Amino acid sequence: MLDIWLPLIGGLVLLMAGGELLVRGAVQVAKGLGVSPLVIGLTLVGFGTSTPELVTSVQAALSDAPGIAYGNIVGSNIANILLIVGIAALISPMIISSAALKRDGMVMLAVAVVFSGVAFAMPLGRVVGLLFIATLVTYVYLAFRQEKTSTPEGHGAVYDKSFALQEADAALVPSETPQKSMLVSTMIALGGLVLVVIGGGFLVDGAVSLARGFGISETVIGLTIVAVGTSMPEFVTSVVAGLRKQGDVAFGNIVGSNIYNILGIGGFTALIAPGAVPAEIVSFDNLVMIMVSLALVFVAWTGLRIARWEGAVLLAGYVGYVYVIWP
């Protein structure tokens, strides 16, 4: 039993620690090179913390475990909405005031529909991966242009994801004068990258062993344990935003994460290790992802607020979802 759980938990710890070091080092290196704080926030900070999910999905696909690779992506999106938004709304009702956030919610829904449609029609090959990554780069570029002229009420999901992370961890805020030399910052970033790669390997091995040891499909393990484990940064930052009564930020953090999961992690996974999304994900979990994305966008557009009772409904929905897919 220990030989199954130890790699799984150890892998998660290494992933989280490595991801943190990687982003911290990269932020300081970018600041030392004269990159603007806005660019650093929208790229390195906003999406750098998704490195654990990226490495896990790519390594799982390369290890011929597509259930874990794509289960991690789809399961993370479902957990982000039902579990994390649910808990954040229970802590503090989310008031969504930004028109940009409502627009980004529609983008999140659109990419979920496109991903599900493509996965139903064909295996995810390198061309699809390149198109997803190109779409993500375009989206971040447009977000950057918007933020340069934005009012505080007009911030979009990419900015809010970065802001939430910086609020939760002050070390991710680019300092005016780099606190460490470029060499030290580079070594920290590289050390973090090594830990992430090692941690991803342990996590995938542990997840595969867990599935085989208990007779549970790799897809279910990917959709639940792996997905929730790699979504811990989103969980922490959304809870912190909720405690600080920053409903817009918590909402934007989740929307930004879900867009990146599909376009970034899905894109790189298809590019590096092309293959088909498992049939059980295509026929059920992708549809759940679309439905919960639609529900989140609907609530944001209609009431402009996610009340505590709605948070409780989302949380109950996640318990029900896990109950349905768990054997």
C-alpha atoms as a PDB file:
ATOM      1  CA  MET A   1       0.000   0.000   0.000  1.00  0.00           C
ATOM      2  CA  LEU A   2       2.800   2.409   0.954  1.00  0.00           C
ATOM      3  CA  ASP A   3       4.571   1.821  -2.364  1.00  0.00           C
ATOM      4  CA  ILE A   4       1.437   3.134  -4.133  1.00  0.00           C
ATOM      5  CA  TRP A   5       0.571   6.153  -1.985  1.00  0.00           C
ATOM      6  CA  LEU A   6       4.149   7.325  -1.350  1.00  0.00           C
ATOM      7  CA  PRO A   7       4.966   8.134  -5.019  1.00  0.00           C
ATOM      8  CA  LEU A   8       1.498   9.690  -5.446  1.00  0.00           C
ATOM      9  CA  ILE A   9       1.739  12.037  -2.444  1.00  0.00           C
ATOM     10  CA  GLY A  10       5.493  12.610  -2.871  1.00  0.00           C
ATOM     11  CA  GLY A  11       4.935  13.463  -6.541  1.00  0.00           C
ATOM     12  CA  LEU A  12       2.267  16.025  -5.644  1.00  0.00           C
ATOM     13  CA  VAL A  13       4.524  17.650  -3.025  1.00  0.00           C
ATOM     14  CA  LEU A  14       7.443  17.848  -5.480  1.00  0.00           C
ATOM     15  CA  LEU A  15       5.130  19.267  -8.179  1.00  0.00           C
ATOM     16  CA  MET A  16       3.821  22.025  -5.920  1.00  0.00           C
ATOM     17  CA  ALA A  17       7.234  22.922  -4.499  1.00  0.00           C
ATOM     18  CA  GLY A  18       8.887  22.785  -7.914  1.00  0.00           C
ATOM     19  CA  GLY A  19       6.170  24.874  -9.550  1.00  0.00           C
ATOM     20  CA  GLU A  20       6.536  27.527  -6.855  1.00  0.00           C
ATOM     21  CA  LEU A  21      10.329  27.704  -7.206  1.00  0.00           C
ATOM     22  CA  LEU A  22      10.118  27.724 -10.999  1.00  0.00           C
ATOM     23  CA  VAL A  23       7.752  30.705 -11.058  1.00  0.00           C
ATOM     24  CA  ARG A  24       9.638  32.617  -8.325  1.00  0.00           C
ATOM     25  CA  GLY A  25      12.956  32.228 -10.123  1.00  0.00           C
ATOM     26  CA  ALA A  26      11.487  33.030 -13.527  1.00  0.00           C
ATOM     27  CA  VAL A  27       9.790  36.190 -12.218  1.00  0.00           C
ATOM     28  CA  GLN A  28      13.091  37.497 -10.823  1.00  0.00           C
ATOM     29  CA  VAL A  29      14.971  36.628 -14.035  1.00  0.00           C
ATOM     30  CA  ALA A  30      12.335  38.405 -16.148  1.00  0.00           C
ATOM     31  CA  LYS A  31      12.470  41.466 -13.891  1.00  0.00           C
ATOM     32  CA  GLY A  32      16.265  41.492 -14.161  1.00  0.00           C
ATOM     33  CA  LEU A  33      15.951  41.432 -17.961  1.00  0.00           C
ATOM     34  CA  GLY A  34      13.693  44.486 -17.859  1.00  0.00           C
ATOM     35  CA  VAL A  35      10.398  42.760 -18.697  1.00  0.00           C
ATOM     36  CA  SER A  36       7.391  44.851 -17.605  1.00  0.00           C
ATOM     37  CA  PRO A  37       5.477  43.741 -14.475  1.00  0.00           C
ATOM     38  CA  LEU A  38       2.260  43.459 -16.526  1.00  0.00           C
ATOM     39  CA  VAL A  39       3.844  41.029 -19.007  1.00  0.00           C
ATOM     40  CA  ILE A  40       5.393  39.059 -16.125  1.00  0.00           C
ATOM     41  CA  GLY A  41       2.005  38.867 -14.407  1.00  0.00           C
ATOM     42  CA  LEU A  42       0.021  37.824 -17.460  1.00  0.00           C
ATOM     43  CA  THR A  43       2.512  35.148 -18.560  1.00  0.00           C
ATOM     44  CA  LEU A  44       4.947  33.831 -15.948  1.00  0.00           C
ATOM     45  CA  VAL A  45       2.756  34.337 -12.877  1.00  0.00           C
ATOM     46  CA  GLY A  46      -0.658  33.835 -14.446  1.00  0.00           C
ATOM     47  CA  PHE A  47       0.151  30.567 -16.171  1.00  0.00           C
ATOM     48  CA  GLY A  48       3.463  29.486 -14.651  1.00  0.00           C
ATOM     49  CA  THR A  49       1.700  27.858 -11.703  1.00  0.00           C
ATOM     50  CA  SER A  50      -0.043  25.499 -14.135  1.00  0.00           C
ATOM     51  CA  THR A  51       3.317  23.852 -14.855  1.00  0.00           C
ATOM     52  CA  PRO A  52       2.516  20.901 -12.526  1.00  0.00           C
ATOM     53  CA  GLU A  53      -0.669  20.140 -14.497  1.00  0.00           C
ATOM     54  CA  LEU A  54       1.182  20.537 -17.802  1.00  0.00           C
ATOM     55  CA  VAL A  55       4.058  18.227 -16.850  1.00  0.00           C
ATOM     56  CA  THR A  56       1.672  15.634 -15.372  1.00  0.00           C
ATOM     57  CA  SER A  57      -0.520  15.479 -18.489  1.00  0.00           C
ATOM     58  CA  VAL A  58       2.434  15.358 -20.898  1.00  0.00           C
ATOM     59  CA  GLN A  59       4.231  12.657 -18.889  1.00  0.00           C
ATOM     60  CA  ALA A  60       1.026  10.614 -18.594  1.00  0.00           C
ATOM     61  CA  ALA A  61       0.456  10.827 -22.363  1.00  0.00           C
ATOM     62  CA  LEU A  62       4.077   9.822 -23.039  1.00  0.00           C
ATOM     63  CA  SER A  63       3.639   6.910 -20.582  1.00  0.00           C
ATOM     64  CA  ASP A  64       0.632   5.710 -22.605  1.00  0.00           C
ATOM     65  CA  ALA A  65      -1.838   6.707 -19.890  1.00  0.00           C
ATOM     66  CA  PRO A  66      -4.223   9.010 -21.805  1.00  0.00           C
ATOM     67  CA  GLY A  67      -6.908   8.560 -19.149  1.00  0.00           C
ATOM     68  CA  ILE A  68      -4.658  10.325 -16.640  1.00  0.00           C
ATOM     69  CA  ALA A  69      -3.427  12.885 -19.200  1.00  0.00           C
ATOM     70  CA  TYR A  70      -6.847  14.078 -20.365  1.00  0.00           C
ATOM     71  CA  GLY A  71      -8.630  13.151 -17.129  1.00  0.00           C
ATOM     72  CA  ASN A  72      -6.305  15.635 -15.412  1.00  0.00           C
ATOM     73  CA  ILE A  73      -7.345  18.417 -17.824  1.00  0.00           C
ATOM     74  CA  VAL A  74     -11.097  17.781 -17.881  1.00  0.00           C
ATOM     75  CA  GLY A  75     -11.257  16.797 -14.201  1.00  0.00           C
ATOM     76  CA  SER A  76      -9.378  19.967 -13.190  1.00  0.00           C
ATOM     77  CA  ASN A  77     -11.888  22.130 -15.067  1.00  0.00           C
ATOM     78  CA  ILE A  78     -14.836  20.373 -13.445  1.00  0.00           C
ATOM     79  CA  ALA A  79     -13.227  20.575  -9.977  1.00  0.00           C
ATOM     80  CA  ASN A  80     -12.339  24.248 -10.487  1.00  0.00           C
ATOM     81  CA  ILE A  81     -15.994  25.146 -11.091  1.00  0.00           C
ATOM     82  CA  LEU A  82     -17.899  22.791  -8.794  1.00  0.00           C
ATOM     83  CA  LEU A  83     -15.416  22.305  -5.944  1.00  0.00           C
ATOM     84  CA  ILE A  84     -13.312  25.469  -5.849  1.00  0.00           C
ATOM     85  CA  VAL A  85     -15.907  28.076  -6.905  1.00  0.00           C
ATOM     86  CA  GLY A  86     -18.343  26.307  -4.573  1.00  0.00           C
ATOM     87  CA  ILE A  87     -16.007  26.609  -1.567  1.00  0.00           C
ATOM     88  CA  ALA A  88     -14.954  30.181  -2.446  1.00  0.00           C
ATOM     89  CA  ALA A  89     -18.631  31.256  -2.757  1.00  0.00           C
ATOM     90  CA  LEU A  90     -19.438  29.620   0.591  1.00  0.00           C
ATOM     91  CA  ILE A  91     -16.659  31.669   2.206  1.00  0.00           C
ATOM     92  CA  SER A  92     -17.770  34.911   0.560  1.00  0.00           C
ATOM     93  CA  PRO A  93     -20.483  35.403  -2.105  1.00  0.00           C
ATOM     94  CA  MET A  94     -18.928  36.237  -5.489  1.00  0.00           C
ATOM     95  CA  ILE A  95     -20.093  39.494  -7.048  1.00  0.00           C
ATOM     96  CA  ILE A  96     -19.027  39.591 -10.699  1.00  0.00           C
ATOM     97  CA  SER A  97     -18.945  43.231 -11.786  1.00  0.00           C
ATOM     98  CA  SER A  98     -16.464  43.136 -14.663  1.00  0.00           C
ATOM     99  CA  ALA A  99     -17.812  43.023 -18.217  1.00  0.00           C
ATOM    100  CA  ALA A 100     -14.418  41.605 -19.248  1.00  0.00           C
ATOM    101  CA  LEU A 101     -14.935  38.662 -16.881  1.00  0.00           C
ATOM    102  CA  LYS A 102     -18.322  37.891 -18.378  1.00  0.00           C
ATOM    103  CA  ARG A 103     -16.703  37.941 -21.821  1.00  0.00           C
ATOM    104  CA  ASP A 104     -13.928  35.610 -20.615  1.00  0.00           C
ATOM    105  CA  GLY A 105     -16.572  33.294 -19.162  1.00  0.00           C
ATOM    106  CA  MET A 106     -17.963  32.950 -22.685  1.00  0.00           C
ATOM    107  CA  VAL A 107     -14.430  32.215 -23.972  1.00  0.00           C
ATOM    108  CA  MET A 108     -14.101  29.477 -21.311  1.00  0.00           C
ATOM    109  CA  LEU A 109     -17.391  27.934 -22.434  1.00  0.00           C
ATOM    110  CA  ALA A 110     -16.427  28.186 -26.119  1.00  0.00           C
ATOM    111  CA  VAL A 111     -13.062  26.428 -25.680  1.00  0.00           C
ATOM    112  CA  ALA A 112     -14.736  23.667 -23.627  1.00  0.00           C
ATOM    113  CA  VAL A 113     -17.225  23.101 -26.473  1.00  0.00           C
ATOM    114  CA  VAL A 114     -14.494  23.168 -29.157  1.00  0.00           C
ATOM    115  CA  PHE A 115     -12.254  20.757 -27.210  1.00  0.00           C
ATOM    116  CA  SER A 116     -15.162  18.352 -26.672  1.00  0.00           C
ATOM    117  CA  GLY A 117     -16.209  18.542 -30.325  1.00  0.00           C
ATOM    118  CA  VAL A 118     -12.696  17.912 -31.645  1.00  0.00           C
ATOM    119  CA  ALA A 119     -12.127  15.056 -29.152  1.00  0.00           C
ATOM    120  CA  PHE A 120     -15.402  13.446 -30.326  1.00  0.00           C
ATOM    121  CA  ALA A 121     -14.502  13.779 -34.008  1.00  0.00           C
ATOM    122  CA  MET A 122     -10.848  12.744 -34.079  1.00  0.00           C
ATOM    123  CA  PRO A 123      -7.675  11.989 -32.085  1.00  0.00           C
ATOM    124  CA  LEU A 124      -5.896  15.112 -30.868  1.00  0.00           C
ATOM    125  CA  GLY A 125      -2.920  15.430 -33.225  1.00  0.00           C
ATOM    126  CA  ARG A 126      -0.074  17.915 -33.495  1.00  0.00           C
ATOM    127  CA  VAL A 127      -1.989  20.280 -35.797  1.00  0.00           C
ATOM    128  CA  VAL A 128      -4.795  20.543 -33.227  1.00  0.00           C
ATOM    129  CA  GLY A 129      -2.197  21.085 -30.488  1.00  0.00           C
ATOM    130  CA  LEU A 130      -0.561  23.910 -32.451  1.00  0.00           C
ATOM    131  CA  LEU A 131      -3.941  25.545 -33.109  1.00  0.00           C
ATOM    132  CA  PHE A 132      -4.832  25.405 -29.398  1.00  0.00           C
ATOM    133  CA  ILE A 133      -1.481  26.942 -28.391  1.00  0.00           C
ATOM    134  CA  ALA A 134      -1.757  29.647 -31.078  1.00  0.00           C
ATOM    135  CA  THR A 135      -5.259  30.494 -29.808  1.00  0.00           C
ATOM    136  CA  LEU A 136      -3.932  30.769 -26.246  1.00  0.00           C
ATOM    137  CA  VAL A 137      -1.073  33.077 -27.322  1.00  0.00           C
ATOM    138  CA  THR A 138      -3.569  35.274 -29.184  1.00  0.00           C
ATOM    139  CA  TYR A 139      -5.886  35.346 -26.163  1.00  0.00           C
ATOM    140  CA  VAL A 140      -3.065  36.384 -23.802  1.00  0.00           C
ATOM    141  CA  TYR A 141      -1.884  39.039 -26.285  1.00  0.00           C
ATOM    142  CA  LEU A 142      -5.394  40.516 -26.500  1.00  0.00           C
ATOM    143  CA  ALA A 143      -5.609  40.431 -22.696  1.00  0.00           C
ATOM    144  CA  PHE A 144      -2.320  42.328 -22.501  1.00  0.00           C
ATOM    145  CA  ARG A 145      -3.599  45.006 -24.891  1.00  0.00           C
ATOM    146  CA  GLN A 146      -6.801  45.318 -22.885  1.00  0.00           C
ATOM    147  CA  GLU A 147      -5.009  45.597 -19.524  1.00  0.00           C
ATOM    148  CA  LYS A 148      -2.791  48.434 -20.807  1.00  0.00           C
ATOM    149  CA  THR A 149      -5.890  50.611 -21.237  1.00  0.00           C
ATOM    150  CA  SER A 150      -8.115  48.981 -18.625  1.00  0.00           C
ATOM    151  CA  THR A 151      -9.923  50.545 -15.676  1.00  0.00           C
ATOM    152  CA  PRO A 152      -9.804  48.545 -12.410  1.00  0.00           C
ATOM    153  CA  GLU A 153     -13.383  47.374 -13.100  1.00  0.00           C
ATOM    154  CA  GLY A 154     -12.409  46.149 -16.566  1.00  0.00           C
ATOM    155  CA  HIS A 155      -9.843  43.511 -15.595  1.00  0.00           C
ATOM    156  CA  GLY A 156     -10.173  40.177 -17.350  1.00  0.00           C
ATOM    157  CA  ALA A 157      -9.599  36.587 -16.246  1.00  0.00           C
ATOM    158  CA  VAL A 158      -5.901  36.431 -17.164  1.00  0.00           C
ATOM    159  CA  TYR A 159      -5.132  39.481 -15.020  1.00  0.00           C
ATOM    160  CA  ASP A 160      -7.240  38.206 -12.122  1.00  0.00           C
ATOM    161  CA  LYS A 161      -5.481  34.822 -12.157  1.00  0.00           C
ATOM    162  CA  SER A 162      -2.128  36.590 -11.885  1.00  0.00           C
ATOM    163  CA  PHE A 163      -3.412  39.004  -9.229  1.00  0.00           C
ATOM    164  CA  ALA A 164      -4.879  36.175  -7.125  1.00  0.00           C
ATOM    165  CA  LEU A 165      -1.538  34.350  -7.115  1.00  0.00           C
ATOM    166  CA  GLN A 166       0.390  37.491  -6.198  1.00  0.00           C
ATOM    167  CA  GLU A 167      -2.071  38.237  -3.376  1.00  0.00           C
ATOM    168  CA  ALA A 168      -1.588  34.723  -1.994  1.00  0.00           C
ATOM    169  CA  ASP A 169       2.215  34.774  -2.378  1.00  0.00           C
ATOM    170  CA  ALA A 170       4.006  38.136  -2.247  1.00  0.00           C
ATOM    171  CA  ALA A 171       7.195  36.487  -3.559  1.00  0.00           C
ATOM    172  CA  LEU A 172       5.547  36.326  -7.008  1.00  0.00           C
ATOM    173  CA  VAL A 173       5.267  40.125  -7.227  1.00  0.00           C
ATOM    174  CA  PRO A 174       8.163  41.489  -9.349  1.00  0.00           C
ATOM    175  CA  SER A 175      10.256  43.654  -6.983  1.00  0.00           C
ATOM    176  CA  GLU A 176      11.687  46.977  -8.149  1.00  0.00           C
ATOM    177  CA  THR A 177      15.203  45.716  -7.515  1.00  0.00           C
ATOM    178  CA  PRO A 178      15.740  41.971  -7.957  1.00  0.00           C
ATOM    179  CA  GLN A 179      16.413  40.469  -4.518  1.00  0.00           C
ATOM    180  CA  LYS A 180      18.806  37.864  -5.910  1.00  0.00           C
ATOM    181  CA  SER A 181      21.426  37.836  -8.636  1.00  0.00           C
ATOM    182  CA  MET A 182      20.442  36.637 -12.099  1.00  0.00           C
ATOM    183  CA  LEU A 183      22.532  33.496 -11.627  1.00  0.00           C
ATOM    184  CA  VAL A 184      20.826  32.589  -8.338  1.00  0.00           C
ATOM    185  CA  SER A 185      17.357  33.328  -9.790  1.00  0.00           C
ATOM    186  CA  THR A 186      18.135  31.187 -12.850  1.00  0.00           C
ATOM    187  CA  MET A 187      19.342  28.324 -10.647  1.00  0.00           C
ATOM    188  CA  ILE A 188      16.148  28.551  -8.546  1.00  0.00           C
ATOM    189  CA  ALA A 189      14.005  28.404 -11.709  1.00  0.00           C
ATOM    190  CA  LEU A 190      15.955  25.449 -13.131  1.00  0.00           C
ATOM    191  CA  GLY A 191      15.851  23.642  -9.774  1.00  0.00           C
ATOM    192  CA  GLY A 192      12.092  24.139  -9.707  1.00  0.00           C
ATOM    193  CA  LEU A 193      11.783  22.746 -13.229  1.00  0.00           C
ATOM    194  CA  VAL A 194      13.764  19.630 -12.254  1.00  0.00           C
ATOM    195  CA  LEU A 195      11.522  19.078  -9.198  1.00  0.00           C
ATOM    196  CA  VAL A 196       8.383  19.471 -11.338  1.00  0.00           C
ATOM    197  CA  VAL A 197       9.589  16.911 -13.883  1.00  0.00           C
ATOM    198  CA  ILE A 198      10.583  14.406 -11.166  1.00  0.00           C
ATOM    199  CA  GLY A 199       7.337  15.040  -9.259  1.00  0.00           C
ATOM    200  CA  GLY A 200       5.258  14.569 -12.409  1.00  0.00           C
ATOM    201  CA  GLY A 201       6.925  11.220 -13.031  1.00  0.00           C
ATOM    202  CA  PHE A 202       6.232  10.045  -9.464  1.00  0.00           C
ATOM    203  CA  LEU A 203       2.626  11.246  -9.604  1.00  0.00           C
ATOM    204  CA  VAL A 204       1.896   9.456 -12.886  1.00  0.00           C
ATOM    205  CA  ASP A 205       3.576   6.238 -11.686  1.00  0.00           C
ATOM    206  CA  GLY A 206       1.657   6.388  -8.394  1.00  0.00           C
ATOM    207  CA  ALA A 207      -1.646   7.064 -10.160  1.00  0.00           C
ATOM    208  CA  VAL A 208      -1.147   4.145 -12.571  1.00  0.00           C
ATOM    209  CA  SER A 209      -0.212   1.838  -9.669  1.00  0.00           C
ATOM    210  CA  LEU A 210      -3.242   3.009  -7.676  1.00  0.00           C
ATOM    211  CA  ALA A 211      -5.561   2.313 -10.606  1.00  0.00           C
ATOM    212  CA  ARG A 212      -4.129  -1.168 -11.164  1.00  0.00           C
ATOM    213  CA  GLY A 213      -3.925  -2.010  -7.466  1.00  0.00           C
ATOM    214  CA  PHE A 214      -7.568  -1.184  -6.772  1.00  0.00           C
ATOM    215  CA  GLY A 215      -9.017  -2.169 -10.142  1.00  0.00           C
ATOM    216  CA  ILE A 216     -10.118   1.408 -10.863  1.00  0.00           C
ATOM    217  CA  SER A 217      -9.707   2.839 -14.350  1.00  0.00           C
ATOM    218  CA  GLU A 218      -6.821   5.249 -14.916  1.00  0.00           C
ATOM    219  CA  THR A 219      -9.360   7.719 -16.296  1.00  0.00           C
ATOM    220  CA  VAL A 220     -11.259   7.892 -12.980  1.00  0.00           C
ATOM    221  CA  ILE A 221      -7.992   8.413 -11.052  1.00  0.00           C
ATOM    222  CA  GLY A 222      -7.018  11.165 -13.519  1.00  0.00           C
ATOM    223  CA  LEU A 223     -10.420  12.854 -13.255  1.00  0.00           C
ATOM    224  CA  THR A 224     -10.416  12.871  -9.440  1.00  0.00           C
ATOM    225  CA  ILE A 225      -7.237  12.402  -7.388  1.00  0.00           C
ATOM    226  CA  VAL A 226      -4.761  13.694  -9.986  1.00  0.00           C
ATOM    227  CA  ALA A 227      -7.044  16.538 -11.138  1.00  0.00           C
ATOM    228  CA  VAL A 228      -7.789  17.806  -7.619  1.00  0.00           C
ATOM    229  CA  GLY A 229      -4.155  17.412  -6.557  1.00  0.00           C
ATOM    230  CA  THR A 230      -2.796  19.474  -9.442  1.00  0.00           C
ATOM    231  CA  SER A 231      -5.561  22.095  -8.909  1.00  0.00           C
ATOM    232  CA  MET A 232      -4.315  22.947  -5.400  1.00  0.00           C
ATOM    233  CA  PRO A 233      -2.787  26.329  -6.463  1.00  0.00           C
ATOM    234  CA  GLU A 234      -6.191  27.410  -7.828  1.00  0.00           C
ATOM    235  CA  PHE A 235      -7.843  26.191  -4.629  1.00  0.00           C
ATOM    236  CA  VAL A 236      -5.509  28.151  -2.346  1.00  0.00           C
ATOM    237  CA  THR A 237      -5.623  31.372  -4.379  1.00  0.00           C
ATOM    238  CA  SER A 238      -9.427  31.332  -4.770  1.00  0.00           C
ATOM    239  CA  VAL A 239      -9.931  30.700  -1.036  1.00  0.00           C
ATOM    240  CA  VAL A 240      -7.549  33.591  -0.201  1.00  0.00           C
ATOM    241  CA  ALA A 241      -9.473  35.832  -2.625  1.00  0.00           C
ATOM    242  CA  GLY A 242     -12.736  34.711  -1.020  1.00  0.00           C
ATOM    243  CA  LEU A 243     -11.448  35.513   2.476  1.00  0.00           C
ATOM    244  CA  ARG A 244     -10.482  38.985   1.224  1.00  0.00           C
ATOM    245  CA  LYS A 245     -13.968  39.488  -0.269  1.00  0.00           C
ATOM    246  CA  GLN A 246     -12.492  39.627  -3.801  1.00  0.00           C
ATOM    247  CA  GLY A 247     -15.220  37.713  -5.620  1.00  0.00           C
ATOM    248  CA  ASP A 248     -14.233  39.033  -9.055  1.00  0.00           C
ATOM    249  CA  VAL A 249     -10.653  37.849  -8.527  1.00  0.00           C
ATOM    250  CA  ALA A 250     -11.697  34.359  -7.370  1.00  0.00           C
ATOM    251  CA  PHE A 251     -14.030  34.033 -10.373  1.00  0.00           C
ATOM    252  CA  GLY A 252     -11.402  35.307 -12.839  1.00  0.00           C
ATOM    253  CA  ASN A 253      -8.790  32.959 -11.371  1.00  0.00           C
ATOM    254  CA  ILE A 254     -10.971  29.936 -12.159  1.00  0.00           C
ATOM    255  CA  VAL A 255     -12.034  31.145 -15.619  1.00  0.00           C
ATOM    256  CA  GLY A 256      -8.404  31.891 -16.569  1.00  0.00           C
ATOM    257  CA  SER A 257      -7.262  28.510 -15.248  1.00  0.00           C
ATOM    258  CA  ASN A 258      -9.906  26.628 -17.230  1.00  0.00           C
ATOM    259  CA  ILE A 259      -9.043  28.421 -20.478  1.00  0.00           C
ATOM    260  CA  TYR A 260      -5.356  27.625 -19.948  1.00  0.00           C
ATOM    261  CA  ASN A 261      -6.041  23.981 -19.030  1.00  0.00           C
ATOM    262  CA  ILE A 262      -7.689  23.286 -22.379  1.00  0.00           C
ATOM    263  CA  LEU A 263      -5.724  25.515 -24.746  1.00  0.00           C
ATOM    264  CA  GLY A 264      -2.322  25.354 -23.009  1.00  0.00           C
ATOM    265  CA  ILE A 265      -2.136  21.964 -21.330  1.00  0.00           C
ATOM    266  CA  GLY A 266      -4.393  20.258 -23.881  1.00  0.00           C
ATOM    267  CA  GLY A 267      -2.461  21.911 -26.711  1.00  0.00           C
ATOM    268  CA  PHE A 268       1.000  20.924 -25.455  1.00  0.00           C
ATOM    269  CA  THR A 269      -0.163  17.392 -24.594  1.00  0.00           C
ATOM    270  CA  ALA A 270      -1.506  16.910 -28.138  1.00  0.00           C
ATOM    271  CA  LEU A 271       1.648  18.455 -29.614  1.00  0.00           C
ATOM    272  CA  ILE A 272       4.142  16.348 -27.655  1.00  0.00           C
ATOM    273  CA  ALA A 273       2.170  13.101 -27.355  1.00  0.00           C
ATOM    274  CA  PRO A 274      -0.671  13.028 -29.910  1.00  0.00           C
ATOM    275  CA  GLY A 275      -3.453  10.557 -29.266  1.00  0.00           C
ATOM    276  CA  ALA A 276      -7.175  10.011 -28.756  1.00  0.00           C
ATOM    277  CA  VAL A 277      -9.060  11.243 -25.704  1.00  0.00           C
ATOM    278  CA  PRO A 278     -10.481   8.141 -23.923  1.00  0.00           C
ATOM    279  CA  ALA A 279     -14.032   7.269 -25.011  1.00  0.00           C
ATOM    280  CA  GLU A 280     -15.463   7.500 -21.469  1.00  0.00           C
ATOM    281  CA  ILE A 281     -14.251  11.115 -21.163  1.00  0.00           C
ATOM    282  CA  VAL A 282     -15.613  11.999 -24.621  1.00  0.00           C
ATOM    283  CA  SER A 283     -19.035  10.461 -23.927  1.00  0.00           C
ATOM    284  CA  PHE A 284     -19.582  11.725 -20.366  1.00  0.00           C
ATOM    285  CA  ASP A 285     -17.013  13.935 -18.626  1.00  0.00           C
ATOM    286  CA  ASN A 286     -16.611  16.389 -21.521  1.00  0.00           C
ATOM    287  CA  LEU A 287     -20.382  16.892 -21.461  1.00  0.00           C
ATOM    288  CA  VAL A 288     -20.271  17.481 -17.689  1.00  0.00           C
ATOM    289  CA  MET A 289     -17.501  20.048 -18.234  1.00  0.00           C
ATOM    290  CA  ILE A 290     -19.633  21.891 -20.816  1.00  0.00           C
ATOM    291  CA  MET A 291     -22.718  21.830 -18.566  1.00  0.00           C
ATOM    292  CA  VAL A 292     -20.931  23.164 -15.468  1.00  0.00           C
ATOM    293  CA  SER A 293     -19.136  25.809 -17.577  1.00  0.00           C
ATOM    294  CA  LEU A 294     -22.513  26.876 -18.973  1.00  0.00           C
ATOM    295  CA  ALA A 295     -24.007  26.957 -15.468  1.00  0.00           C
ATOM    296  CA  LEU A 296     -21.164  29.164 -14.193  1.00  0.00           C
ATOM    297  CA  VAL A 297     -21.484  31.588 -17.131  1.00  0.00           C
ATOM    298  CA  PHE A 298     -25.282  31.670 -16.722  1.00  0.00           C
ATOM    299  CA  VAL A 299     -25.050  32.524 -13.013  1.00  0.00           C
ATOM    300  CA  ALA A 300     -22.420  35.201 -13.682  1.00  0.00           C
ATOM    301  CA  TRP A 301     -24.437  36.808 -16.496  1.00  0.00           C
ATOM    302  CA  THR A 302     -27.843  36.744 -14.813  1.00  0.00           C
ATOM    303  CA  GLY A 303     -27.448  37.510 -11.136  1.00  0.00           C
ATOM    304  CA  LEU A 304     -23.900  38.944 -11.425  1.00  0.00           C
ATOM    305  CA  ARG A 305     -23.385  37.199  -8.110  1.00  0.00           C
ATOM    306  CA  ILE A 306     -22.753  33.667  -6.876  1.00  0.00           C
ATOM    307  CA  ALA A 307     -24.501  33.438  -3.511  1.00  0.00           C
ATOM    308  CA  ARG A 308     -23.602  31.081  -0.674  1.00  0.00           C
ATOM    309  CA  TRP A 309     -26.526  28.770  -1.454  1.00  0.00           C
ATOM    310  CA  GLU A 310     -25.349  28.548  -5.069  1.00  0.00           C
ATOM    311  CA  GLY A 311     -21.860  27.701  -3.792  1.00  0.00           C
ATOM    312  CA  ALA A 312     -23.410  24.902  -1.712  1.00  0.00           C
ATOM    313  CA  VAL A 313     -25.249  23.603  -4.811  1.00  0.00           C
ATOM    314  CA  LEU A 314     -21.970  23.602  -6.798  1.00  0.00           C
ATOM    315  CA  LEU A 315     -20.202  21.722  -3.986  1.00  0.00           C
ATOM    316  CA  ALA A 316     -23.009  19.156  -3.786  1.00  0.00           C
ATOM    317  CA  GLY A 317     -22.757  18.815  -7.567  1.00  0.00           C
ATOM    318  CA  TYR A 318     -19.086  17.849  -7.261  1.00  0.00           C
ATOM    319  CA  VAL A 319     -19.857  15.215  -4.607  1.00  0.00           C
ATOM    320  CA  GLY A 320     -22.557  13.831  -6.907  1.00  0.00           C
ATOM    321  CA  TYR A 321     -20.201  13.819  -9.910  1.00  0.00           C
ATOM    322  CA  VAL A 322     -17.496  11.859  -8.041  1.00  0.00           C
ATOM    323  CA  TYR A 323     -20.154   9.447  -6.738  1.00  0.00           C
ATOM    324  CA  VAL A 324     -21.365   8.777 -10.304  1.00  0.00           C
ATOM    325  CA  ILE A 325     -17.931   8.112 -11.849  1.00  0.00           C
ATOM    326  CA  TRP A 326     -16.357   6.250  -8.884  1.00  0.00           C
ATOM    327  CA  PRO A 327     -16.784   2.491  -9.302  1.00  0.00           C
END
